[in-house]
């Protein structure tokens, strides 16, 4: 088995609602963003970008100091043009605070570099979006 392979299974659970299950049994839900609280697929992509970079940045900065506040927001504009539907203007914004003192100062000073490391090298999700990747669609009918 390929130790680097990642998989998610998607199962229909209702009208325009799906359950995603990972190989470890974790579950999350998605829909079209109507009356239910489910994330849309676009919102899940945005959350994946923010989450991936947040985990990177937190792992790097906590070596210097634990944060006292850590929020990340991500936004993008959904457009439809000659290339089809896609997101444009993706922006990830970090709002991270550290305690006063030498350790907090070191983490604060390193924060921009940690964000750049995630953006430029570490975050698999945003790097895949930035670099682009072929997506092969297969389908069968029972």
Foldseek 3Di string as FASTA:
>chain_A
DDPPDWDWDWDDDDDQKIWIATPVGDIAIAGDPDPDPGHHPVRVLQVLLQVLLQVQLQVVLVVLNHWPDWDKGWDWDWDQDPVGTDTPDIDIDIDIAGDDDDSRVVSVVCNVVSSVCCCPPGRPSNVCVVVPDDDDDDDDDD
